[in-house]
Amino acid sequence: MRSDAIKKGPNRAPARAMLRATGLDDEAIGKPLVAVVHTWSNVSPCNLNLRDLANDVAEGIRAAGGTPIEFNTIAVTDGIAMGTPGMRASLVSREVIADSIELVVDGHSLDAMVVLCGCDKTIPAAAMALARLDIPGVALYGGSIGHGTLDGKSITVQDVFEAVGAHGAGKLSDKALKKIETRACPGAGACGGQYTANTMAMVLTALGLSPLGLNDIPATHPDKPEAARRCGALVMECLAKARTPRQVMTREAFINASRLVAATAGSTNAALHLLAIASEACVKLDLEDFNAASEQTPVIADLMPAGRYSAVEMFEAGGIAAIANQLRRANMLVDTPTVTGRSLFEELDDAPPAQVEHDLVYPVDAPIKPRGGYAILYGNLAPQGCILKLAGLGGGGFEGTARVFESEEAAFAAVQGDRIKKHDFIVIRNEGPAGGPGMREMLGVTAALIGRGLGDDVALMTDGRFSGATRGFMVGHVAPEAVRGGPIALLRDGDRIVIDAKARTLSTDADLEARRSDWSAPPPRVTRGALAKYAKLVGSASSGAVTHGSTPYRWRAP
């Protein structure tokens, strides 16, 4: 066992003495030591139930002959940090979480691991850590929050963000805004549409890291504790059979994941995170794989933000299995191994039927939309690529006049100050991975545009990101980013910008190169601390915004 390095032989008596102080006896120390990692925090609902689930996982581990070793790591909650300088910490936290899991698991030579995750960056970080360490491991998502209800309609935190825009436009009273605010988030769990958290929880299942169906169970559902106990028992089976994450994280599994994201019109953040996870798993994946998946996969799930239903309603309608089975019948998925030791298709064969009849999942031959919810564009404004969110794009294009802002705050103030008009093309730059630093999400701006009724008449491009709750004509992840001299840095107010979704281009007819001699990189916003270190290390969004090179991680005992 890996843990023999800290517990076996006379020389390890000091380590054993410290383990005894935690309550372990000879029998417990002699068993496999299994990490139970969670991102519990009471700053938001997203991770609020994870400490309780950790106890359930520990029960499963003990019952299967292991000794659980619990520790927690950080979480930065996008829904709270959104629109503030604190949002710069969000993407950075993905790397910190993965690094911290690596350090604790390797620092104590633990034998296996179960990672409990809850919000947007904790989920890809869990997959990155599992792939990097490649020891027997299982991931479990804490579950979606229940949706709120207002006037007979399901609402989520997305409605609150959009209500802020409507309030700023004078369309919503203080009282009405407060009513939406107090009803949108009823308890524990991550944001309740097919936003980033639920998109990435689905990805964990597609990659084979989570047992089919367990991530679908909402946070407060009575079946969630048993799901956690099952994961505790399962990780011991993985340890006994030497089943490790990279054995299931095949290239085919990544393509399956990208197709499921497309079929559910999921968060564009999935592309960024899947590229980062693939880098840790040493799997070849690039932006073109996402475009192919979106072109070839129709939208068949009627889910928020563009659709009508929440993640809890998706669970009632059969969860990811209902969607995956539709794609499977159309030969749009490949059978792949999973953490359970059974293949994806074997798991789908045994998936339980829907609990409630919903008109939520459509057949592939009669889809909601004929192609997935995003496209990868290039062109003279994005030589390394960018992501276009197609929700509501209509004819597949947009042409507008540039309104250039150097930060999210400046753009938000312009929207709320009624200074953005029809046919404007908002440009928010210096918000990329290095320039932000941290590649903030622009949900405050995009939601304000929707709330003001400009969602169909204004486009936005940025070297930052979008929330999974974003809708409208939005282009994110523009690369190279402005601070590293990307063409977006050379745009000026009044330039003509064109989105052509069919030609897959984001372009301008402005003579950008004639302006390059006048450009110099802005001074860094942060000069010390975690954000400054991240800005120096981080790569392009087009390769996942990771902070390391391509050399595979290898741990070797001394």
Protein backbone atom coordinates (compact mmCIF):
# COMPACT_ATOMS: atom_id res chain seq x y z
CA MET A 1 0.00 0.00 0.00
CA ARG A 2 1.11 3.58 -0.64
CA SER A 3 0.34 4.34 2.99
CA ASP A 4 3.01 1.87 4.15
CA ALA A 5 5.44 4.76 3.54
CA ILE A 6 4.05 6.57 6.59
CA LYS A 7 2.93 3.72 8.85
CA LYS A 8 5.10 0.62 8.45
CA GLY A 9 8.26 -0.32 10.32
CA PRO A 10 10.09 0.97 13.41
CA ASN A 11 11.13 4.20 11.73
CA ARG A 12 7.49 5.24 11.29
CA ALA A 13 6.70 5.06 15.00
CA PRO A 14 6.41 8.89 15.25
CA ALA A 15 3.85 8.95 12.42
CA ARG A 16 1.88 6.14 14.03
CA ALA A 17 1.96 7.99 17.34
CA MET A 18 0.33 10.99 15.70
CA LEU A 19 -2.26 8.81 13.95
CA ARG A 20 -3.14 7.27 17.33
CA ALA A 21 -3.77 10.76 18.69
CA THR A 22 -6.56 11.15 16.12
CA GLY A 23 -8.33 8.08 17.50
CA LEU A 24 -6.92 5.37 15.24
CA ASP A 25 -5.81 2.05 16.72
CA ASP A 26 -3.52 -0.66 15.31
CA GLU A 27 -6.36 -2.21 13.32
CA ALA A 28 -7.40 1.07 11.72
CA ILE A 29 -3.80 2.06 10.95
CA GLY A 30 -3.19 -1.32 9.33
CA LYS A 31 -6.04 -0.85 6.85
CA PRO A 32 -5.88 1.16 3.62
CA LEU A 33 -5.99 4.88 4.36
CA VAL A 34 -8.57 6.48 2.08
CA ALA A 35 -8.91 10.23 1.58
CA VAL A 36 -12.39 11.71 1.93
CA VAL A 37 -11.94 15.14 0.39
CA HIS A 38 -14.66 17.75 0.38
CA THR A 39 -15.16 21.43 -0.32
CA TRP A 40 -17.59 22.12 2.51
CA SER A 41 -18.26 25.77 3.27
CA ASN A 42 -21.19 27.62 4.79
CA VAL A 43 -20.66 30.73 2.69
CA SER A 44 -23.16 29.49 0.10
CA PRO A 45 -25.63 26.65 -0.49
CA CYS A 46 -23.48 24.95 -3.13
CA ASN A 47 -21.23 23.01 -0.75
CA LEU A 48 -23.36 23.18 2.37
CA ASN A 49 -24.20 19.47 2.56
CA LEU A 50 -20.76 18.06 1.82
CA ARG A 51 -19.56 17.62 5.40
CA ASP A 52 -22.62 15.47 6.13
CA LEU A 53 -22.04 13.47 2.96
CA ALA A 54 -18.41 12.98 4.00
CA ASN A 55 -19.65 11.14 7.09
CA ASP A 56 -21.73 8.88 4.86
CA VAL A 57 -18.75 8.21 2.57
CA ALA A 58 -16.65 7.37 5.63
CA GLU A 59 -19.28 4.85 6.74
CA GLY A 60 -19.07 3.14 3.38
CA ILE A 61 -15.28 3.02 3.51
CA ARG A 62 -15.22 1.54 7.03
CA ALA A 63 -17.85 -1.06 6.15
CA ALA A 64 -15.72 -2.12 3.16
CA GLY A 65 -12.51 -2.49 5.19
CA GLY A 66 -10.81 0.89 4.91
CA THR A 67 -9.92 3.76 7.20
CA PRO A 68 -11.26 7.16 6.06
CA ILE A 69 -8.97 10.18 6.36
CA GLU A 70 -11.08 13.33 6.02
CA PHE A 71 -9.87 16.74 4.92
CA ASN A 72 -11.37 19.71 3.17
CA THR A 73 -10.19 22.26 0.66
CA ILE A 74 -11.46 25.64 -0.51
CA ALA A 75 -14.40 26.81 -2.58
CA VAL A 76 -15.07 30.18 -4.22
CA THR A 77 -18.74 30.65 -4.98
CA ASP A 78 -19.42 32.33 -8.32
CA GLY A 79 -22.97 33.36 -7.47
CA ILE A 80 -21.67 35.47 -4.60
CA ALA A 81 -18.41 36.70 -6.15
CA MET A 82 -20.04 37.49 -9.54
CA GLY A 83 -19.64 41.09 -10.64
CA THR A 84 -17.07 41.89 -7.95
CA PRO A 85 -13.26 41.84 -7.86
CA GLY A 86 -13.61 38.60 -5.88
CA MET A 87 -14.70 36.79 -9.03
CA ARG A 88 -11.06 36.87 -10.12
CA ALA A 89 -10.44 34.18 -7.50
CA SER A 90 -12.92 31.74 -9.02
CA LEU A 91 -10.99 30.10 -11.86
CA VAL A 92 -7.78 30.41 -9.87
CA SER A 93 -9.45 28.32 -7.16
CA ARG A 94 -9.76 25.40 -9.62
CA GLU A 95 -5.97 25.12 -9.71
CA VAL A 96 -5.60 25.67 -5.97
CA ILE A 97 -8.16 22.95 -5.19
CA ALA A 98 -6.50 20.42 -7.49
CA ASP A 99 -3.07 21.33 -6.12
CA SER A 100 -4.21 21.09 -2.51
CA ILE A 101 -5.75 17.65 -3.03
CA GLU A 102 -2.51 16.49 -4.65
CA LEU A 103 -0.43 17.85 -1.78
CA VAL A 104 -2.48 16.30 1.03
CA VAL A 105 -2.97 12.91 -0.66
CA ASP A 106 0.68 12.63 -1.66
CA GLY A 107 1.92 14.26 1.53
CA HIS A 108 0.31 11.47 3.56
CA SER A 109 0.79 8.69 1.00
CA LEU A 110 -2.93 7.88 1.02
CA ASP A 111 -4.08 4.80 -0.85
CA ALA A 112 -7.28 5.96 -2.53
CA MET A 113 -9.65 8.92 -2.54
CA VAL A 114 -13.28 10.01 -2.75
CA VAL A 115 -13.78 13.65 -3.72
CA LEU A 116 -17.03 15.41 -2.82
CA CYS A 117 -17.62 18.58 -4.82
CA GLY A 118 -20.40 21.11 -5.10
CA CYS A 119 -19.89 24.27 -7.16
CA ASP A 120 -18.50 25.38 -10.48
CA LYS A 121 -14.73 25.07 -9.98
CA THR A 122 -14.71 22.37 -7.32
CA ILE A 123 -16.09 19.86 -9.84
CA PRO A 124 -13.44 20.17 -12.58
CA ALA A 125 -10.80 20.47 -9.86
CA ALA A 126 -11.93 17.10 -8.48
CA ALA A 127 -11.54 15.51 -11.91
CA MET A 128 -8.16 17.18 -12.42
CA ALA A 129 -6.87 15.87 -9.10
CA LEU A 130 -8.16 12.36 -9.77
CA ALA A 131 -6.53 12.33 -13.20
CA ARG A 132 -3.28 13.84 -11.94
CA LEU A 133 -2.81 11.45 -9.02
CA ASP A 134 -4.27 8.44 -10.85
CA ILE A 135 -4.82 6.40 -7.69
CA PRO A 136 -8.13 4.56 -7.12
CA GLY A 137 -10.74 7.27 -6.79
CA VAL A 138 -14.39 8.24 -7.11
CA ALA A 139 -16.08 11.64 -7.45
CA LEU A 140 -19.53 12.55 -6.13
CA TYR A 141 -21.39 15.81 -6.74
CA GLY A 142 -23.28 17.14 -3.75
CA GLY A 143 -26.34 17.77 -5.90
CA SER A 144 -28.45 20.55 -7.30
CA ILE A 145 -30.40 23.01 -5.22
CA GLY A 146 -34.17 22.81 -5.48
CA HIS A 147 -35.74 25.45 -7.69
CA GLY A 148 -37.78 28.25 -6.21
CA THR A 149 -41.31 29.02 -7.33
CA LEU A 150 -42.85 32.35 -8.24
CA ASP A 151 -46.29 32.75 -9.80
CA GLY A 152 -46.35 29.04 -10.61
CA LYS A 153 -43.02 29.16 -12.47
CA SER A 154 -39.73 27.53 -11.47
CA ILE A 155 -37.06 30.13 -10.77
CA THR A 156 -33.34 29.98 -9.98
CA VAL A 157 -30.56 32.42 -9.17
CA GLN A 158 -30.44 33.23 -12.91
CA ASP A 159 -33.79 34.97 -12.48
CA VAL A 160 -32.34 37.09 -9.70
CA PHE A 161 -29.44 38.27 -11.87
CA GLU A 162 -31.83 39.13 -14.71
CA ALA A 163 -34.18 40.86 -12.28
CA VAL A 164 -31.33 43.20 -11.34
CA GLY A 165 -31.21 44.35 -14.97
CA ALA A 166 -34.98 44.80 -15.08
CA HIS A 167 -34.85 46.74 -11.80
CA GLY A 168 -32.09 49.00 -13.15
CA ALA A 169 -34.25 49.70 -16.21
CA GLY A 170 -37.18 50.69 -14.02
CA LYS A 171 -39.21 47.66 -15.06
CA LEU A 172 -39.21 46.06 -11.61
CA SER A 173 -39.92 47.58 -8.21
CA ASP A 174 -37.79 47.14 -5.09
CA LYS A 175 -40.54 44.95 -3.63
CA ALA A 176 -40.71 42.72 -6.70
CA LEU A 177 -36.91 42.33 -6.78
CA LYS A 178 -36.91 41.35 -3.10
CA LYS A 179 -39.65 38.78 -3.76
CA ILE A 180 -37.56 37.09 -6.47
CA GLU A 181 -34.44 37.27 -4.29
CA THR A 182 -36.12 35.56 -1.34
CA ARG A 183 -37.69 32.73 -3.35
CA ALA A 184 -34.99 31.71 -5.83
CA CYS A 185 -32.68 29.64 -3.59
CA PRO A 186 -34.58 27.45 -1.11
CA GLY A 187 -31.73 25.44 0.48
CA ALA A 188 -28.54 23.42 0.03
CA GLY A 189 -27.20 22.57 -3.41
CA ALA A 190 -25.60 24.18 -6.45
CA CYS A 191 -27.40 26.50 -8.87
CA GLY A 192 -30.43 24.75 -10.26
CA GLY A 193 -30.30 24.96 -14.06
CA GLN A 194 -27.97 23.42 -16.63
CA TYR A 195 -25.43 25.97 -15.54
CA THR A 196 -21.76 25.19 -14.97
CA ALA A 197 -22.15 23.06 -11.82
CA ASN A 198 -24.81 20.72 -13.21
CA THR A 199 -23.10 20.63 -16.60
CA MET A 200 -19.82 19.58 -14.99
CA ALA A 201 -21.55 17.06 -12.69
CA MET A 202 -22.88 15.44 -15.86
CA VAL A 203 -19.34 15.52 -17.27
CA LEU A 204 -18.04 13.61 -14.23
CA THR A 205 -20.50 10.84 -15.05
CA ALA A 206 -19.63 10.84 -18.75
CA LEU A 207 -15.92 10.60 -17.92
CA GLY A 208 -16.64 7.52 -15.82
CA LEU A 209 -15.55 9.11 -12.52
CA SER A 210 -19.02 9.08 -10.90
CA PRO A 211 -21.51 6.19 -10.94
CA LEU A 212 -24.40 6.83 -13.31
CA GLY A 213 -27.34 8.54 -11.63
CA LEU A 214 -25.72 9.47 -8.32
CA ASN A 215 -24.80 13.02 -9.34
CA ASP A 216 -28.37 13.60 -10.54
CA ILE A 217 -29.78 13.18 -7.02
CA PRO A 218 -30.55 16.66 -5.61
CA ALA A 219 -28.69 17.89 -2.55
CA THR A 220 -31.61 17.57 -0.12
CA HIS A 221 -33.08 14.36 -1.53
CA PRO A 222 -33.33 11.50 1.02
CA ASP A 223 -31.38 9.17 -1.32
CA LYS A 224 -28.23 11.32 -1.31
CA PRO A 225 -26.67 9.86 1.89
CA GLU A 226 -26.95 6.32 0.52
CA ALA A 227 -25.31 7.50 -2.71
CA ALA A 228 -22.39 8.74 -0.62
CA ARG A 229 -22.13 5.44 1.28
CA ARG A 230 -22.11 3.61 -2.04
CA CYS A 231 -19.18 5.73 -3.21
CA GLY A 232 -17.30 4.85 -0.02
CA ALA A 233 -17.76 1.15 -0.68
CA LEU A 234 -16.98 1.58 -4.38
CA VAL A 235 -13.61 3.21 -3.81
CA MET A 236 -12.54 0.19 -1.78
CA GLU A 237 -13.52 -2.04 -4.70
CA CYS A 238 -11.47 0.18 -7.01
CA LEU A 239 -8.50 -0.17 -4.67
CA ALA A 240 -8.83 -3.96 -4.51
CA LYS A 241 -8.98 -4.20 -8.30
CA ALA A 242 -6.38 -1.49 -9.00
CA ARG A 243 -8.96 0.48 -10.98
CA THR A 244 -7.72 4.05 -11.48
CA PRO A 245 -9.17 7.19 -13.06
CA ARG A 246 -7.06 7.27 -16.21
CA GLN A 247 -8.27 3.79 -17.08
CA VAL A 248 -11.77 5.18 -17.58
CA MET A 249 -10.91 8.71 -18.77
CA THR A 250 -10.39 7.75 -22.39
CA ARG A 251 -10.56 10.10 -25.35
CA GLU A 252 -13.90 8.50 -26.23
CA ALA A 253 -15.21 9.40 -22.77
CA PHE A 254 -14.21 13.03 -23.33
CA ILE A 255 -16.04 13.07 -26.67
CA ASN A 256 -19.11 11.56 -24.98
CA ALA A 257 -18.92 14.32 -22.39
CA SER A 258 -18.72 17.04 -25.04
CA ARG A 259 -21.74 15.57 -26.84
CA LEU A 260 -23.79 15.54 -23.65
CA VAL A 261 -22.85 19.16 -23.03
CA ALA A 262 -24.05 19.99 -26.53
CA ALA A 263 -27.28 17.98 -26.18
CA THR A 264 -28.21 19.84 -22.99
CA ALA A 265 -27.11 23.31 -24.20
CA GLY A 266 -24.77 23.23 -21.22
CA SER A 267 -22.28 25.77 -19.99
CA THR A 268 -19.54 26.95 -22.34
CA ASN A 269 -17.24 26.64 -19.33
CA ALA A 270 -17.31 22.89 -19.98
CA ALA A 271 -14.92 23.37 -22.89
CA LEU A 272 -12.41 25.23 -20.71
CA HIS A 273 -12.64 22.63 -17.95
CA LEU A 274 -12.59 19.55 -20.18
CA LEU A 275 -9.43 20.82 -21.86
CA ALA A 276 -7.83 21.23 -18.42
CA ILE A 277 -8.97 17.77 -17.25
CA ALA A 278 -7.74 16.18 -20.48
CA SER A 279 -4.36 17.81 -19.92
CA GLU A 280 -4.13 16.11 -16.50
CA ALA A 281 -5.31 12.80 -17.95
CA CYS A 282 -2.79 13.00 -20.83
CA VAL A 283 -5.63 12.74 -23.35
CA LYS A 284 -5.48 14.60 -26.67
CA LEU A 285 -8.35 17.10 -26.85
CA ASP A 286 -8.68 20.49 -28.52
CA LEU A 287 -11.29 23.13 -29.36
CA GLU A 288 -12.18 21.50 -32.66
CA ASP A 289 -13.46 18.45 -30.78
CA PHE A 290 -16.06 20.68 -29.13
CA ASN A 291 -17.15 22.25 -32.38
CA ALA A 292 -17.58 18.81 -33.97
CA ALA A 293 -19.62 17.63 -30.99
CA SER A 294 -21.87 20.68 -31.17
CA GLU A 295 -22.34 20.49 -34.95
CA GLN A 296 -23.24 16.79 -34.82
CA THR A 297 -25.40 16.76 -31.67
CA PRO A 298 -28.86 18.34 -31.43
CA VAL A 299 -30.20 20.00 -28.30
CA ILE A 300 -32.68 17.52 -26.82
CA ALA A 301 -33.06 18.71 -23.21
CA ASP A 302 -35.33 21.65 -22.37
CA LEU A 303 -33.22 23.02 -19.53
CA MET A 304 -32.52 26.44 -18.07
CA PRO A 305 -31.03 28.91 -18.90
CA ALA A 306 -32.53 28.87 -22.40
CA GLY A 307 -35.19 26.25 -21.59
CA ARG A 308 -37.98 25.77 -19.08
CA TYR A 309 -36.85 23.16 -16.58
CA SER A 310 -34.49 22.95 -13.63
CA ALA A 311 -31.98 20.25 -12.71
CA VAL A 312 -34.32 18.81 -10.07
CA GLU A 313 -36.99 18.37 -12.73
CA MET A 314 -34.34 16.73 -14.94
CA PHE A 315 -33.66 14.25 -12.13
CA GLU A 316 -37.38 13.45 -11.93
CA ALA A 317 -37.44 12.92 -15.70
CA GLY A 318 -34.72 10.26 -15.56
CA GLY A 319 -31.56 12.34 -15.23
CA ILE A 320 -28.52 12.00 -17.45
CA ALA A 321 -29.56 8.44 -18.38
CA ALA A 322 -32.66 9.74 -20.18
CA ILE A 323 -30.53 12.03 -22.33
CA ALA A 324 -27.71 9.54 -22.84
CA ASN A 325 -30.11 6.82 -23.96
CA GLN A 326 -31.53 9.09 -26.65
CA LEU A 327 -28.02 9.80 -27.93
CA ARG A 328 -27.08 6.14 -27.68
CA ARG A 329 -30.03 5.08 -29.83
CA ALA A 330 -28.84 7.54 -32.47
CA ASN A 331 -25.27 6.15 -32.32
CA MET A 332 -24.00 9.43 -30.89
CA LEU A 333 -22.28 7.90 -27.86
CA VAL A 334 -19.51 5.32 -27.58
CA ASP A 335 -19.45 2.63 -24.90
CA THR A 336 -16.72 3.43 -22.39
CA PRO A 337 -15.48 2.01 -19.05
CA THR A 338 -16.65 3.53 -15.76
CA VAL A 339 -15.54 3.62 -12.15
CA THR A 340 -18.03 0.86 -11.29
CA GLY A 341 -16.18 -1.70 -13.41
CA ARG A 342 -19.11 -1.86 -15.80
CA SER A 343 -19.36 -0.01 -19.09
CA LEU A 344 -21.45 3.08 -19.67
CA PHE A 345 -23.95 1.14 -21.77
CA GLU A 346 -24.27 -1.56 -19.13
CA GLU A 347 -25.05 1.13 -16.59
CA LEU A 348 -27.59 2.70 -18.95
CA ASP A 349 -29.30 -0.67 -19.42
CA ASP A 350 -29.99 -0.79 -15.68
CA ALA A 351 -30.92 2.87 -15.19
CA PRO A 352 -34.26 3.33 -13.40
CA PRO A 353 -37.18 4.81 -15.35
CA ALA A 354 -38.31 8.40 -14.96
CA GLN A 355 -40.18 9.15 -11.75
CA VAL A 356 -42.37 11.84 -13.34
CA GLU A 357 -43.58 12.32 -16.88
CA HIS A 358 -42.03 15.53 -18.23
CA ASP A 359 -41.87 16.92 -21.75
CA LEU A 360 -38.24 17.67 -20.99
CA VAL A 361 -36.20 15.18 -23.07
CA TYR A 362 -36.83 15.10 -26.81
CA PRO A 363 -35.92 12.38 -29.32
CA VAL A 364 -32.88 13.04 -31.50
CA ASP A 365 -34.98 13.02 -34.67
CA ALA A 366 -37.32 15.69 -33.27
CA PRO A 367 -34.98 17.93 -31.27
CA ILE A 368 -35.43 21.33 -29.71
CA LYS A 369 -32.61 22.63 -31.91
CA PRO A 370 -30.77 20.81 -34.70
CA ARG A 371 -27.32 21.48 -33.26
CA GLY A 372 -25.66 22.03 -29.90
CA GLY A 373 -25.65 25.28 -28.01
CA TYR A 374 -22.18 26.60 -28.87
CA ALA A 375 -19.72 26.99 -31.74
CA ILE A 376 -15.97 27.49 -31.91
CA LEU A 377 -15.02 30.57 -33.93
CA TYR A 378 -11.70 31.87 -35.21
CA GLY A 379 -10.96 34.86 -37.45
CA ASN A 380 -8.80 37.94 -37.15
CA LEU A 381 -10.15 38.73 -33.67
CA ALA A 382 -9.58 35.25 -32.26
CA PRO A 383 -6.68 33.47 -34.03
CA GLN A 384 -6.48 30.83 -31.25
CA GLY A 385 -10.27 30.47 -31.05
CA CYS A 386 -13.22 31.55 -28.96
CA ILE A 387 -16.61 30.16 -27.95
CA LEU A 388 -19.93 31.48 -29.23
CA LYS A 389 -23.01 30.72 -27.18
CA LEU A 390 -25.74 29.99 -29.72
CA ALA A 391 -28.76 30.28 -27.43
CA GLY A 392 -31.16 32.62 -29.21
CA LEU A 393 -28.80 33.37 -32.12
CA GLY A 394 -31.53 33.07 -34.72
CA GLY A 395 -30.03 33.38 -38.18
CA GLY A 396 -26.53 32.59 -37.03
CA GLY A 397 -24.91 36.00 -37.20
CA PHE A 398 -24.60 39.46 -35.74
CA GLU A 399 -23.02 42.69 -36.94
CA GLY A 400 -22.50 45.64 -34.67
CA THR A 401 -20.43 48.64 -33.67
CA ALA A 402 -17.74 48.19 -31.06
CA ARG A 403 -18.19 49.68 -27.60
CA VAL A 404 -14.89 48.93 -25.90
CA PHE A 405 -14.48 48.57 -22.12
CA GLU A 406 -11.35 47.76 -20.16
CA SER A 407 -13.19 45.91 -17.39
CA GLU A 408 -16.45 44.22 -16.49
CA GLU A 409 -17.34 47.01 -14.05
CA ALA A 410 -17.08 49.66 -16.77
CA ALA A 411 -19.33 47.67 -19.10
CA PHE A 412 -21.90 46.98 -16.36
CA ALA A 413 -22.05 50.68 -15.48
CA ALA A 414 -22.69 51.52 -19.15
CA VAL A 415 -25.54 48.99 -19.36
CA GLN A 416 -27.16 50.14 -16.12
CA GLY A 417 -26.62 53.77 -17.15
CA ASP A 418 -28.65 53.18 -20.33
CA ARG A 419 -25.62 53.92 -22.52
CA ILE A 420 -25.84 50.68 -24.54
CA LYS A 421 -28.15 50.74 -27.55
CA LYS A 422 -29.38 48.34 -30.21
CA HIS A 423 -26.70 47.10 -32.60
CA ASP A 424 -23.88 47.85 -30.16
CA PHE A 425 -21.18 45.18 -29.89
CA ILE A 426 -19.81 45.32 -26.36
CA VAL A 427 -16.11 44.44 -26.03
CA ILE A 428 -14.83 43.64 -22.53
CA ARG A 429 -11.09 43.05 -22.51
CA ASN A 430 -8.26 42.60 -20.01
CA GLU A 431 -10.44 40.02 -18.23
CA GLY A 432 -8.60 36.94 -19.55
CA PRO A 433 -6.76 34.31 -17.50
CA ALA A 434 -3.62 36.45 -17.14
CA GLY A 435 -5.11 39.88 -17.64
CA GLY A 436 -7.96 39.65 -15.17
CA PRO A 437 -6.22 37.88 -13.65
CA GLY A 438 -8.58 34.95 -13.26
CA MET A 439 -10.89 35.18 -16.30
CA ARG A 440 -14.03 36.46 -14.58
CA GLU A 441 -17.52 35.54 -15.74
CA MET A 442 -19.65 38.34 -17.16
CA LEU A 443 -23.07 37.23 -15.89
CA GLY A 444 -23.79 40.59 -14.29
CA VAL A 445 -23.47 42.32 -17.66
CA THR A 446 -25.25 39.69 -19.75
CA ALA A 447 -28.11 39.34 -17.26
CA ALA A 448 -28.51 43.12 -17.14
CA LEU A 449 -28.82 43.17 -20.95
CA ILE A 450 -31.53 40.50 -20.80
CA GLY A 451 -33.32 42.34 -17.99
CA ARG A 452 -33.34 45.51 -20.09
CA GLY A 453 -34.78 43.72 -23.10
CA LEU A 454 -31.59 44.02 -25.18
CA GLY A 455 -30.79 40.31 -25.35
CA ASP A 456 -31.70 40.04 -29.05
CA ASP A 457 -30.20 43.36 -30.11
CA VAL A 458 -26.75 43.58 -28.53
CA ALA A 459 -23.72 41.26 -28.74
CA LEU A 460 -20.78 40.94 -26.39
CA MET A 461 -17.28 39.56 -26.79
CA THR A 462 -14.67 39.12 -24.08
CA ASP A 463 -11.41 37.41 -23.26
CA GLY A 464 -13.16 36.51 -20.00
CA ARG A 465 -15.84 33.88 -19.50
CA PHE A 466 -19.59 33.53 -19.17
CA SER A 467 -21.65 31.89 -16.49
CA GLY A 468 -23.59 28.80 -17.43
CA ALA A 469 -26.66 30.96 -16.77
CA THR A 470 -25.75 33.35 -19.59
CA ARG A 471 -27.90 33.66 -22.70
CA GLY A 472 -27.87 35.98 -25.70
CA PHE A 473 -25.27 36.79 -28.41
CA MET A 474 -22.17 36.10 -26.37
CA VAL A 475 -18.58 35.28 -27.42
CA GLY A 476 -16.14 34.34 -24.67
CA HIS A 477 -12.67 32.85 -24.16
CA VAL A 478 -11.29 35.07 -26.97
CA ALA A 479 -7.67 34.04 -27.45
CA PRO A 480 -5.02 35.30 -27.43
CA GLU A 481 -6.21 37.56 -24.63
CA ALA A 482 -5.71 41.30 -24.62
CA VAL A 483 -2.94 41.51 -22.04
CA ARG A 484 -0.82 39.16 -24.15
CA GLY A 485 -1.29 41.20 -27.30
CA GLY A 486 -4.29 39.45 -28.81
CA PRO A 487 -6.21 41.33 -31.52
CA ILE A 488 -8.98 42.17 -29.04
CA ALA A 489 -6.47 44.58 -27.46
CA LEU A 490 -6.38 46.65 -30.67
CA LEU A 491 -10.11 47.25 -31.11
CA ARG A 492 -11.49 50.77 -30.76
CA ASP A 493 -14.93 52.28 -30.33
CA GLY A 494 -16.74 52.42 -33.64
CA ASP A 495 -15.03 49.42 -35.26
CA ARG A 496 -17.33 47.07 -37.14
CA ILE A 497 -17.43 43.54 -35.66
CA VAL A 498 -19.12 40.58 -37.33
CA ILE A 499 -20.11 37.17 -35.96
CA ASP A 500 -20.64 34.62 -38.72
CA ALA A 501 -21.65 31.37 -37.06
CA LYS A 502 -21.85 29.51 -40.37
CA ALA A 503 -18.35 30.53 -41.46
CA ARG A 504 -17.23 30.19 -37.81
CA THR A 505 -15.55 33.58 -37.73
CA LEU A 506 -15.31 36.57 -35.41
CA SER A 507 -13.82 39.39 -37.41
CA THR A 508 -13.44 43.10 -38.05
CA ASP A 509 -12.48 45.12 -41.12
CA ALA A 510 -10.46 47.54 -38.97
CA ASP A 511 -6.72 47.66 -39.75
CA LEU A 512 -5.61 46.22 -36.43
CA GLU A 513 -1.96 45.70 -37.30
CA ALA A 514 -1.56 49.38 -38.12
CA ARG A 515 -2.40 50.06 -34.46
CA ARG A 516 0.00 47.51 -32.95
CA SER A 517 2.95 49.88 -32.71
CA ASP A 518 0.85 52.11 -30.46
CA TRP A 519 -0.10 49.28 -28.11
CA SER A 520 1.65 48.25 -24.94
CA ALA A 521 0.50 45.79 -22.32
CA PRO A 522 -1.28 47.38 -19.37
CA PRO A 523 0.44 47.10 -16.00
CA PRO A 524 -0.61 44.03 -13.99
CA ARG A 525 -3.65 44.58 -11.79
CA VAL A 526 -2.12 42.43 -9.04
CA THR A 527 1.57 42.31 -8.19
CA ARG A 528 1.77 39.83 -5.31
CA GLY A 529 -0.07 36.88 -3.85
CA ALA A 530 -1.99 34.02 -5.45
CA LEU A 531 -3.46 36.02 -8.32
CA ALA A 532 -0.07 37.40 -9.33
CA LYS A 533 1.48 33.93 -9.33
CA TYR A 534 -1.43 32.62 -11.39
CA ALA A 535 -1.08 35.42 -13.95
CA LYS A 536 2.58 34.49 -14.52
CA LEU A 537 1.92 30.75 -14.87
CA VAL A 538 -1.43 30.48 -16.65
CA GLY A 539 -1.69 29.48 -20.29
CA SER A 540 -4.23 30.33 -22.96
CA ALA A 541 -7.95 29.74 -22.56
CA SER A 542 -7.74 27.83 -25.85
CA SER A 543 -5.85 25.07 -24.01
CA GLY A 544 -7.84 25.14 -20.76
CA ALA A 545 -6.11 27.97 -18.87
CA VAL A 546 -3.91 25.51 -16.99
CA THR A 547 -0.85 26.48 -14.97
CA HIS A 548 1.51 23.73 -16.02
CA GLY A 549 3.07 22.34 -19.17
CA SER A 550 2.23 19.13 -20.95
CA THR A 551 4.63 16.86 -19.04
CA PRO A 552 2.60 14.10 -17.34
CA TYR A 553 2.52 14.17 -13.56
CA ARG A 554 4.24 11.23 -11.91
CA TRP A 555 4.58 10.48 -8.20
CA ARG A 556 7.29 8.09 -7.14
CA ALA A 557 8.02 6.95 -3.63
CA PRO A 558 11.51 7.89 -2.41
